[in-house]
Amino acid sequence: MTRAEFIEDKATILDIFERMAALPRVRVVYPDKGLCDAQGCRYVENNVPLYSDDHHLSPAGVAKLTGMFATMFVDAPPRASSAALTAIAAPNQKSD
């Protein structure tokens, strides 16, 4: 799969990631940075699936991105509030 196809396939979650990244002290891992290269994006590597379903990484997929996660926790910012995260994930829903 090309990177453009990957971006199109994952458009919904990547849009949420972009909105989350705009929050103060929030860091986002973009999976295409670890799963894609000049040849394209992989869902399988060495006959091992990198996804357990259409949207969730398998243990091998998580392991492939581990280095990206590790850098996020060096001097990690405080966690964003659940209300802020809910507003980003569902921007058209009103809170009670």
PDB file of N, CA and C in Angstrom:
ATOM      1  N   MET A   1       0.851  -1.165   0.000  1.00  0.00           N
ATOM      2  CA  MET A   1       0.000   0.000   0.000  1.00  0.00           C
ATOM      3  C   MET A   1       0.903   1.237   0.000  1.00  0.00           C
ATOM      4  N   THR A   2       0.546   2.214  -0.812  1.00  0.00           N
ATOM      5  CA  THR A   2       1.333   3.452  -0.840  1.00  0.00           C
ATOM      6  C   THR A   2       1.043   4.270   0.413  1.00  0.00           C
ATOM      7  N   ARG A   3       1.919   5.234   0.705  1.00  0.00           N
ATOM      8  CA  ARG A   3       1.690   6.112   1.864  1.00  0.00           C
ATOM      9  C   ARG A   3       0.391   6.893   1.664  1.00  0.00           C
ATOM     10  N   ALA A   4       0.117   7.343   0.448  1.00  0.00           N
ATOM     11  CA  ALA A   4      -1.126   8.083   0.173  1.00  0.00           C
ATOM     12  C   ALA A   4      -2.351   7.214   0.452  1.00  0.00           C
ATOM     13  N   GLU A   5      -2.290   5.943   0.075  1.00  0.00           N
ATOM     14  CA  GLU A   5      -3.401   5.025   0.355  1.00  0.00           C
ATOM     15  C   GLU A   5      -3.549   4.803   1.858  1.00  0.00           C
ATOM     16  N   PHE A   6      -2.422   4.689   2.559  1.00  0.00           N
ATOM     17  CA  PHE A   6      -2.445   4.531   4.012  1.00  0.00           C
ATOM     18  C   PHE A   6      -3.110   5.750   4.665  1.00  0.00           C
ATOM     19  N   ILE A   7      -2.701   6.946   4.247  1.00  0.00           N
ATOM     20  CA  ILE A   7      -3.260   8.191   4.800  1.00  0.00           C
ATOM     21  C   ILE A   7      -4.761   8.251   4.533  1.00  0.00           C
ATOM     22  N   GLU A   8      -5.177   7.874   3.341  1.00  0.00           N
ATOM     23  CA  GLU A   8      -6.611   7.867   3.013  1.00  0.00           C
ATOM     24  C   GLU A   8      -7.353   6.832   3.865  1.00  0.00           C
ATOM     25  N   ASP A   9      -6.777   5.638   4.005  1.00  0.00           N
ATOM     26  CA  ASP A   9      -7.400   4.568   4.781  1.00  0.00           C
ATOM     27  C   ASP A   9      -7.542   4.944   6.257  1.00  0.00           C
ATOM     28  N   LYS A  10      -6.584   5.673   6.781  1.00  0.00           N
ATOM     29  CA  LYS A  10      -6.564   6.032   8.202  1.00  0.00           C
ATOM     30  C   LYS A  10      -6.964   7.494   8.437  1.00  0.00           C
ATOM     31  N   ALA A  11      -7.659   8.107   7.490  1.00  0.00           N
ATOM     32  CA  ALA A  11      -7.979   9.539   7.546  1.00  0.00           C
ATOM     33  C   ALA A  11      -8.694   9.943   8.829  1.00  0.00           C
ATOM     34  N   THR A  12      -9.642   9.157   9.281  1.00  0.00           N
ATOM     35  CA  THR A  12     -10.421   9.525  10.471  1.00  0.00           C
ATOM     36  C   THR A  12      -9.528   9.625  11.699  1.00  0.00           C
ATOM     37  N   ILE A  13      -8.720   8.599  11.945  1.00  0.00           N
ATOM     38  CA  ILE A  13      -7.878   8.625  13.142  1.00  0.00           C
ATOM     39  C   ILE A  13      -6.756   9.645  13.008  1.00  0.00           C
ATOM     40  N   LEU A  14      -6.221   9.826  11.813  1.00  0.00           N
ATOM     41  CA  LEU A  14      -5.171  10.820  11.635  1.00  0.00           C
ATOM     42  C   LEU A  14      -5.704  12.228  11.855  1.00  0.00           C
ATOM     43  N   ASP A  15      -6.971  12.465  11.503  1.00  0.00           N
ATOM     44  CA  ASP A  15      -7.599  13.759  11.778  1.00  0.00           C
ATOM     45  C   ASP A  15      -7.713  13.981  13.288  1.00  0.00           C
ATOM     46  N   ILE A  16      -8.110  12.950  14.011  1.00  0.00           N
ATOM     47  CA  ILE A  16      -8.193  13.052  15.475  1.00  0.00           C
ATOM     48  C   ILE A  16      -6.805  13.294  16.051  1.00  0.00           C
ATOM     49  N   PHE A  17      -5.800  12.587  15.543  1.00  0.00           N
ATOM     50  CA  PHE A  17      -4.424  12.791  16.013  1.00  0.00           C
ATOM     51  C   PHE A  17      -3.988  14.238  15.810  1.00  0.00           C
ATOM     52  N   GLU A  18      -4.304  14.816  14.657  1.00  0.00           N
ATOM     53  CA  GLU A  18      -3.921  16.205  14.387  1.00  0.00           C
ATOM     54  C   GLU A  18      -4.555  17.158  15.386  1.00  0.00           C
ATOM     55  N   ARG A  19      -5.846  16.934  15.684  1.00  0.00           N
ATOM     56  CA  ARG A  19      -6.524  17.804  16.653  1.00  0.00           C
ATOM     57  C   ARG A  19      -5.942  17.618  18.052  1.00  0.00           C
ATOM     58  N   MET A  20      -5.590  16.383  18.399  1.00  0.00           N
ATOM     59  CA  MET A  20      -4.981  16.128  19.706  1.00  0.00           C
ATOM     60  C   MET A  20      -3.611  16.789  19.795  1.00  0.00           C
ATOM     61  N   ALA A  21      -2.843  16.736  18.725  1.00  0.00           N
ATOM     62  CA  ALA A  21      -1.500  17.317  18.717  1.00  0.00           C
ATOM     63  C   ALA A  21      -1.535  18.826  18.928  1.00  0.00           C
ATOM     64  N   ALA A  22      -2.669  19.459  18.618  1.00  0.00           N
ATOM     65  CA  ALA A  22      -2.801  20.904  18.810  1.00  0.00           C
ATOM     66  C   ALA A  22      -3.003  21.282  20.279  1.00  0.00           C
ATOM     67  N   LEU A  23      -3.331  20.298  21.114  1.00  0.00           N
ATOM     68  CA  LEU A  23      -3.508  20.578  22.542  1.00  0.00           C
ATOM     69  C   LEU A  23      -2.159  20.802  23.200  1.00  0.00           C
ATOM     70  N   PRO A  24      -2.123  21.685  24.181  1.00  0.00           N
ATOM     71  CA  PRO A  24      -0.858  21.889  24.893  1.00  0.00           C
ATOM     72  C   PRO A  24      -0.439  20.614  25.626  1.00  0.00           C
ATOM     73  N   ARG A  25       0.836  20.330  25.606  1.00  0.00           N
ATOM     74  CA  ARG A  25       1.460  19.224  26.330  1.00  0.00           C
ATOM     75  C   ARG A  25       0.975  17.842  25.878  1.00  0.00           C
ATOM     76  N   VAL A  26       0.458  17.725  24.660  1.00  0.00           N
ATOM     77  CA  VAL A  26       0.044  16.424  24.125  1.00  0.00           C
ATOM     78  C   VAL A  26       1.009  16.048  23.006  1.00  0.00           C
ATOM     79  N   ARG A  27       1.476  14.819  23.044  1.00  0.00           N
ATOM     80  CA  ARG A  27       2.353  14.294  21.993  1.00  0.00           C
ATOM     81  C   ARG A  27       1.617  13.151  21.299  1.00  0.00           C
ATOM     82  N   VAL A  28       1.753  13.097  19.999  1.00  0.00           N
ATOM     83  CA  VAL A  28       1.051  12.095  19.197  1.00  0.00           C
ATOM     84  C   VAL A  28       2.072  11.274  18.415  1.00  0.00           C
ATOM     85  N   VAL A  29       1.847   9.971  18.344  1.00  0.00           N
ATOM     86  CA  VAL A  29       2.657   9.087  17.501  1.00  0.00           C
ATOM     87  C   VAL A  29       1.873   8.847  16.218  1.00  0.00           C
ATOM     88  N   TYR A  30       2.481   9.170  15.092  1.00  0.00           N
ATOM     89  CA  TYR A  30       1.869   8.915  13.792  1.00  0.00           C
ATOM     90  C   TYR A  30       2.400   7.578  13.290  1.00  0.00           C
ATOM     91  N   PRO A  31       1.544   6.547  13.195  1.00  0.00           N
ATOM     92  CA  PRO A  31       2.025   5.216  12.841  1.00  0.00           C
ATOM     93  C   PRO A  31       2.675   5.129  11.467  1.00  0.00           C
ATOM     94  N   ASP A  32       2.277   5.988  10.533  1.00  0.00           N
ATOM     95  CA  ASP A  32       2.881   5.925   9.202  1.00  0.00           C
ATOM     96  C   ASP A  32       4.370   6.223   9.240  1.00  0.00           C
ATOM     97  N   LYS A  33       4.820   6.967  10.246  1.00  0.00           N
ATOM     98  CA  LYS A  33       6.247   7.277  10.358  1.00  0.00           C
ATOM     99  C   LYS A  33       7.066   6.020  10.636  1.00  0.00           C
ATOM    100  N   GLY A  34       6.470   5.024  11.283  1.00  0.00           N
ATOM    101  CA  GLY A  34       7.172   3.792  11.584  1.00  0.00           C
ATOM    102  C   GLY A  34       6.805   2.619  10.689  1.00  0.00           C
ATOM    103  N   LEU A  35       5.662   2.718  10.014  1.00  0.00           N
ATOM    104  CA  LEU A  35       5.191   1.591   9.197  1.00  0.00           C
ATOM    105  C   LEU A  35       5.362   1.816   7.699  1.00  0.00           C
ATOM    106  N   CYS A  36       5.743   3.024   7.318  1.00  0.00           N
ATOM    107  CA  CYS A  36       5.881   3.347   5.899  1.00  0.00           C
ATOM    108  C   CYS A  36       7.318   3.753   5.577  1.00  0.00           C
ATOM    109  N   ASP A  37       7.723   3.471   4.353  1.00  0.00           N
ATOM    110  CA  ASP A  37       9.007   3.935   3.850  1.00  0.00           C
ATOM    111  C   ASP A  37       8.814   4.352   2.398  1.00  0.00           C
ATOM    112  N   ALA A  38       9.884   4.535   1.654  1.00  0.00           N
ATOM    113  CA  ALA A  38       9.781   4.995   0.268  1.00  0.00           C
ATOM    114  C   ALA A  38       9.008   4.018  -0.618  1.00  0.00           C
ATOM    115  N   GLN A  39       9.022   2.727  -0.272  1.00  0.00           N
ATOM    116  CA  GLN A  39       8.312   1.732  -1.066  1.00  0.00           C
ATOM    117  C   GLN A  39       6.820   1.654  -0.727  1.00  0.00           C
ATOM    118  N   GLY A  40       6.420   2.132   0.414  1.00  0.00           N
ATOM    119  CA  GLY A  40       5.014   2.093   0.798  1.00  0.00           C
ATOM    120  C   GLY A  40       4.840   1.747   2.264  1.00  0.00           C
ATOM    121  N   CYS A  41       3.626   1.381   2.634  1.00  0.00           N
ATOM    122  CA  CYS A  41       3.287   1.058   4.020  1.00  0.00           C
ATOM    123  C   CYS A  41       2.983  -0.428   4.120  1.00  0.00           C
ATOM    124  N   ARG A  42       3.473  -1.023   5.184  1.00  0.00           N
ATOM    125  CA  ARG A  42       3.323  -2.463   5.359  1.00  0.00           C
ATOM    126  C   ARG A  42       2.257  -2.792   6.397  1.00  0.00           C
ATOM    127  N   TYR A  43       1.502  -3.816   6.090  1.00  0.00           N
ATOM    128  CA  TYR A  43       0.567  -4.388   7.051  1.00  0.00           C
ATOM    129  C   TYR A  43       1.089  -5.729   7.541  1.00  0.00           C
ATOM    130  N   VAL A  44       2.071  -6.255   6.803  1.00  0.00           N
ATOM    131  CA  VAL A  44       2.720  -7.525   7.137  1.00  0.00           C
ATOM    132  C   VAL A  44       4.208  -7.340   6.902  1.00  0.00           C
ATOM    133  N   GLU A  45       5.020  -7.877   7.799  1.00  0.00           N
ATOM    134  CA  GLU A  45       6.466  -7.823   7.626  1.00  0.00           C
ATOM    135  C   GLU A  45       7.056  -9.173   8.009  1.00  0.00           C
ATOM    136  N   ASN A  46       7.836  -9.772   7.120  1.00  0.00           N
ATOM    137  CA  ASN A  46       8.404 -11.107   7.339  1.00  0.00           C
ATOM    138  C   ASN A  46       7.311 -12.125   7.678  1.00  0.00           C
ATOM    139  N   ASN A  47       6.194 -12.045   6.950  1.00  0.00           N
ATOM    140  CA  ASN A  47       5.040 -12.941   7.136  1.00  0.00           C
ATOM    141  C   ASN A  47       4.376 -12.806   8.501  1.00  0.00           C
ATOM    142  N   VAL A  48       4.630 -11.711   9.208  1.00  0.00           N
ATOM    143  CA  VAL A  48       4.018 -11.461  10.512  1.00  0.00           C
ATOM    144  C   VAL A  48       3.117 -10.231  10.377  1.00  0.00           C
ATOM    145  N   PRO A  49       1.818 -10.356  10.713  1.00  0.00           N
ATOM    146  CA  PRO A  49       0.910  -9.204  10.581  1.00  0.00           C
ATOM    147  C   PRO A  49       1.260  -8.087  11.570  1.00  0.00           C
ATOM    148  N   LEU A  50       1.225  -6.850  11.088  1.00  0.00           N
ATOM    149  CA  LEU A  50       1.469  -5.688  11.933  1.00  0.00           C
ATOM    150  C   LEU A  50       0.175  -5.123  12.512  1.00  0.00           C
ATOM    151  N   TYR A  51      -0.959  -5.599  12.012  1.00  0.00           N
ATOM    152  CA  TYR A  51      -2.277  -5.207  12.515  1.00  0.00           C
ATOM    153  C   TYR A  51      -3.050  -6.456  12.923  1.00  0.00           C
ATOM    154  N   SER A  52      -3.822  -6.336  14.001  1.00  0.00           N
ATOM    155  CA  SER A  52      -4.668  -7.456  14.429  1.00  0.00           C
ATOM    156  C   SER A  52      -6.046  -7.378  13.767  1.00  0.00           C
ATOM    157  N   ASP A  53      -6.429  -6.190  13.299  1.00  0.00           N
ATOM    158  CA  ASP A  53      -7.654  -5.986  12.526  1.00  0.00           C
ATOM    159  C   ASP A  53      -7.445  -4.733  11.686  1.00  0.00           C
ATOM    160  N   ASP A  54      -8.497  -4.147  11.159  1.00  0.00           N
ATOM    161  CA  ASP A  54      -8.348  -2.986  10.269  1.00  0.00           C
ATOM    162  C   ASP A  54      -7.727  -1.763  10.938  1.00  0.00           C
ATOM    163  N   HIS A  55      -7.840  -1.654  12.246  1.00  0.00           N
ATOM    164  CA  HIS A  55      -7.430  -0.412  12.902  1.00  0.00           C
ATOM    165  C   HIS A  55      -6.525  -0.577  14.115  1.00  0.00           C
ATOM    166  N   HIS A  56      -6.227  -1.797  14.523  1.00  0.00           N
ATOM    167  CA  HIS A  56      -5.452  -2.005  15.747  1.00  0.00           C
ATOM    168  C   HIS A  56      -4.157  -2.750  15.452  1.00  0.00           C
ATOM    169  N   LEU A  57      -3.066  -2.208  15.980  1.00  0.00           N
ATOM    170  CA  LEU A  57      -1.772  -2.850  15.791  1.00  0.00           C
ATOM    171  C   LEU A  57      -1.725  -4.195  16.501  1.00  0.00           C
ATOM    172  N   SER A  58      -1.048  -5.129  15.899  1.00  0.00           N
ATOM    173  CA  SER A  58      -0.778  -6.420  16.536  1.00  0.00           C
ATOM    174  C   SER A  58       0.414  -6.225  17.478  1.00  0.00           C
ATOM    175  N   PRO A  59       0.745  -7.214  18.300  1.00  0.00           N
ATOM    176  CA  PRO A  59       1.950  -7.095  19.126  1.00  0.00           C
ATOM    177  C   PRO A  59       3.201  -6.792  18.283  1.00  0.00           C
ATOM    178  N   ALA A  60       3.298  -7.370  17.088  1.00  0.00           N
ATOM    179  CA  ALA A  60       4.448  -7.094  16.222  1.00  0.00           C
ATOM    180  C   ALA A  60       4.419  -5.645  15.720  1.00  0.00           C
ATOM    181  N   GLY A  61       3.227  -5.114  15.439  1.00  0.00           N
ATOM    182  CA  GLY A  61       3.104  -3.718  15.025  1.00  0.00           C
ATOM    183  C   GLY A  61       3.486  -2.763  16.139  1.00  0.00           C
ATOM    184  N   VAL A  62       3.046  -3.074  17.346  1.00  0.00           N
ATOM    185  CA  VAL A  62       3.416  -2.252  18.504  1.00  0.00           C
ATOM    186  C   VAL A  62       4.929  -2.290  18.701  1.00  0.00           C
ATOM    187  N   ALA A  63       5.519  -3.496  18.588  1.00  0.00           N
ATOM    188  CA  ALA A  63       6.962  -3.633  18.761  1.00  0.00           C
ATOM    189  C   ALA A  63       7.715  -2.801  17.719  1.00  0.00           C
ATOM    190  N   LYS A  64       7.174  -2.739  16.505  1.00  0.00           N
ATOM    191  CA  LYS A  64       7.818  -1.960  15.450  1.00  0.00           C
ATOM    192  C   LYS A  64       7.833  -0.470  15.787  1.00  0.00           C
ATOM    193  N   LEU A  65       6.839   0.003  16.520  1.00  0.00           N
ATOM    194  CA  LEU A  65       6.744   1.426  16.874  1.00  0.00           C
ATOM    195  C   LEU A  65       7.296   1.741  18.264  1.00  0.00           C
ATOM    196  N   THR A  66       7.796   0.746  18.975  1.00  0.00           N
ATOM    197  CA  THR A  66       8.236   0.937  20.355  1.00  0.00           C
ATOM    198  C   THR A  66       9.217   2.094  20.493  1.00  0.00           C
ATOM    199  N   GLY A  67      10.154   2.192  19.587  1.00  0.00           N
ATOM    200  CA  GLY A  67      11.129   3.284  19.658  1.00  0.00           C
ATOM    201  C   GLY A  67      10.472   4.652  19.599  1.00  0.00           C
ATOM    202  N   MET A  68       9.408   4.774  18.816  1.00  0.00           N
ATOM    203  CA  MET A  68       8.697   6.041  18.724  1.00  0.00           C
ATOM    204  C   MET A  68       8.008   6.371  20.043  1.00  0.00           C
ATOM    205  N   PHE A  69       7.444   5.348  20.705  1.00  0.00           N
ATOM    206  CA  PHE A  69       6.774   5.576  21.979  1.00  0.00           C
ATOM    207  C   PHE A  69       7.783   5.941  23.062  1.00  0.00           C
ATOM    208  N   ALA A  70       8.929   5.301  23.048  1.00  0.00           N
ATOM    209  CA  ALA A  70       9.939   5.534  24.074  1.00  0.00           C
ATOM    210  C   ALA A  70      10.362   6.998  24.116  1.00  0.00           C
ATOM    211  N   THR A  71      10.506   7.621  22.972  1.00  0.00           N
ATOM    212  CA  THR A  71      10.936   9.019  22.948  1.00  0.00           C
ATOM    213  C   THR A  71       9.857   9.955  23.485  1.00  0.00           C
ATOM    214  N   MET A  72       8.607   9.525  23.474  1.00  0.00           N
ATOM    215  CA  MET A  72       7.517  10.369  23.962  1.00  0.00           C
ATOM    216  C   MET A  72       7.541  10.537  25.471  1.00  0.00           C
ATOM    217  N   PHE A  73       8.096   9.566  26.180  1.00  0.00           N
ATOM    218  CA  PHE A  73       8.006   9.579  27.628  1.00  0.00           C
ATOM    219  C   PHE A  73       9.211  10.212  28.315  1.00  0.00           C
ATOM    220  N   VAL A  74      10.157  10.656  27.526  1.00  0.00           N
ATOM    221  CA  VAL A  74      11.269  11.414  28.083  1.00  0.00           C
ATOM    222  C   VAL A  74      10.729  12.824  28.320  1.00  0.00           C
ATOM    223  N   ASP A  75      10.750  13.259  29.570  1.00  0.00           N
ATOM    224  CA  ASP A  75      10.216  14.568  29.923  1.00  0.00           C
ATOM    225  C   ASP A  75       8.767  14.705  29.454  1.00  0.00           C
ATOM    226  N   ALA A  76       7.961  13.676  29.739  1.00  0.00           N
ATOM    227  CA  ALA A  76       6.568  13.640  29.293  1.00  0.00           C
ATOM    228  C   ALA A  76       5.751  14.765  29.908  1.00  0.00           C
ATOM    229  N   PRO A  77       4.883  15.371  29.104  1.00  0.00           N
ATOM    230  CA  PRO A  77       4.004  16.423  29.615  1.00  0.00           C
ATOM    231  C   PRO A  77       2.887  15.822  30.449  1.00  0.00           C
ATOM    232  N   PRO A  78       2.248  16.629  31.304  1.00  0.00           N
ATOM    233  CA  PRO A  78       1.081  16.137  32.045  1.00  0.00           C
ATOM    234  C   PRO A  78      -0.013  15.727  31.072  1.00  0.00           C
ATOM    235  N   ARG A  79      -0.843  14.834  31.509  1.00  0.00           N
ATOM    236  CA  ARG A  79      -1.926  14.319  30.689  1.00  0.00           C
ATOM    237  C   ARG A  79      -3.010  15.370  30.466  1.00  0.00           C
ATOM    238  N   ALA A  80      -3.568  15.393  29.256  1.00  0.00           N
ATOM    239  CA  ALA A  80      -4.682  16.291  28.950  1.00  0.00           C
ATOM    240  C   ALA A  80      -5.924  15.810  29.690  1.00  0.00           C
ATOM    241  N   SER A  81      -6.827  16.716  29.983  1.00  0.00           N
ATOM    242  CA  SER A  81      -8.048  16.343  30.685  1.00  0.00           C
ATOM    243  C   SER A  81      -8.919  15.452  29.814  1.00  0.00           C
ATOM    244  N   SER A  82      -9.720  14.604  30.442  1.00  0.00           N
ATOM    245  CA  SER A  82     -10.607  13.719  29.683  1.00  0.00           C
ATOM    246  C   SER A  82     -11.635  14.528  28.900  1.00  0.00           C
ATOM    247  N   ALA A  83     -12.067  15.671  29.425  1.00  0.00           N
ATOM    248  CA  ALA A  83     -13.033  16.512  28.709  1.00  0.00           C
ATOM    249  C   ALA A  83     -12.424  17.044  27.413  1.00  0.00           C
ATOM    250  N   ALA A  84     -11.154  17.453  27.469  1.00  0.00           N
ATOM    251  CA  ALA A  84     -10.486  17.954  26.264  1.00  0.00           C
ATOM    252  C   ALA A  84     -10.340  16.851  25.238  1.00  0.00           C
ATOM    253  N   LEU A  85      -9.972  15.659  25.678  1.00  0.00           N
ATOM    254  CA  LEU A  85      -9.817  14.537  24.753  1.00  0.00           C
ATOM    255  C   LEU A  85     -11.155  14.123  24.152  1.00  0.00           C
ATOM    256  N   THR A  86     -12.225  14.141  24.948  1.00  0.00           N
ATOM    257  CA  THR A  86     -13.553  13.802  24.443  1.00  0.00           C
ATOM    258  C   THR A  86     -13.997  14.823  23.398  1.00  0.00           C
ATOM    259  N   ALA A  87     -13.730  16.085  23.635  1.00  0.00           N
ATOM    260  CA  ALA A  87     -14.105  17.138  22.686  1.00  0.00           C
ATOM    261  C   ALA A  87     -13.390  16.954  21.356  1.00  0.00           C
ATOM    262  N   ILE A  88     -12.166  16.455  21.397  1.00  0.00           N
ATOM    263  CA  ILE A  88     -11.413  16.233  20.168  1.00  0.00           C
ATOM    264  C   ILE A  88     -11.927  15.006  19.437  1.00  0.00           C
ATOM    265  N   ALA A  89     -12.183  13.929  20.164  1.00  0.00           N
ATOM    266  CA  ALA A  89     -12.618  12.676  19.547  1.00  0.00           C
ATOM    267  C   ALA A  89     -14.020  12.792  18.968  1.00  0.00           C
ATOM    268  N   ALA A  90     -14.869  13.588  19.601  1.00  0.00           N
ATOM    269  CA  ALA A  90     -16.255  13.744  19.147  1.00  0.00           C
ATOM    270  C   ALA A  90     -16.619  15.230  19.156  1.00  0.00           C
ATOM    271  N   PRO A  91     -16.082  16.003  18.210  1.00  0.00           N
ATOM    272  CA  PRO A  91     -16.253  17.454  18.271  1.00  0.00           C
ATOM    273  C   PRO A  91     -17.690  17.946  18.114  1.00  0.00           C
ATOM    274  N   ASN A  92     -18.575  17.149  17.571  1.00  0.00           N
ATOM    275  CA  ASN A  92     -19.950  17.603  17.349  1.00  0.00           C
ATOM    276  C   ASN A  92     -20.912  17.179  18.440  1.00  0.00           C
ATOM    277  N   GLN A  93     -20.407  16.477  19.472  1.00  0.00           N
ATOM    278  CA  GLN A  93     -21.276  16.053  20.566  1.00  0.00           C
ATOM    279  C   GLN A  93     -21.208  17.084  21.682  1.00  0.00           C
ATOM    280  N   LYS A  94     -22.368  17.334  22.277  1.00  0.00           N
ATOM    281  CA  LYS A  94     -22.439  18.260  23.408  1.00  0.00           C
ATOM    282  C   LYS A  94     -22.249  17.487  24.693  1.00  0.00           C
ATOM    283  N   SER A  95     -21.499  18.067  25.644  1.00  0.00           N
ATOM    284  CA  SER A  95     -21.338  17.411  26.936  1.00  0.00           C
ATOM    285  C   SER A  95     -22.488  17.813  27.846  1.00  0.00           C
ATOM    286  N   ASP A  96     -22.803  16.945  28.803  1.00  0.00           N
ATOM    287  CA  ASP A  96     -23.928  17.199  29.731  1.00  0.00           C
ATOM    288  C   ASP A  96     -23.516  18.089  30.868  1.00  0.00           C
TER     289      ASP A  96
END
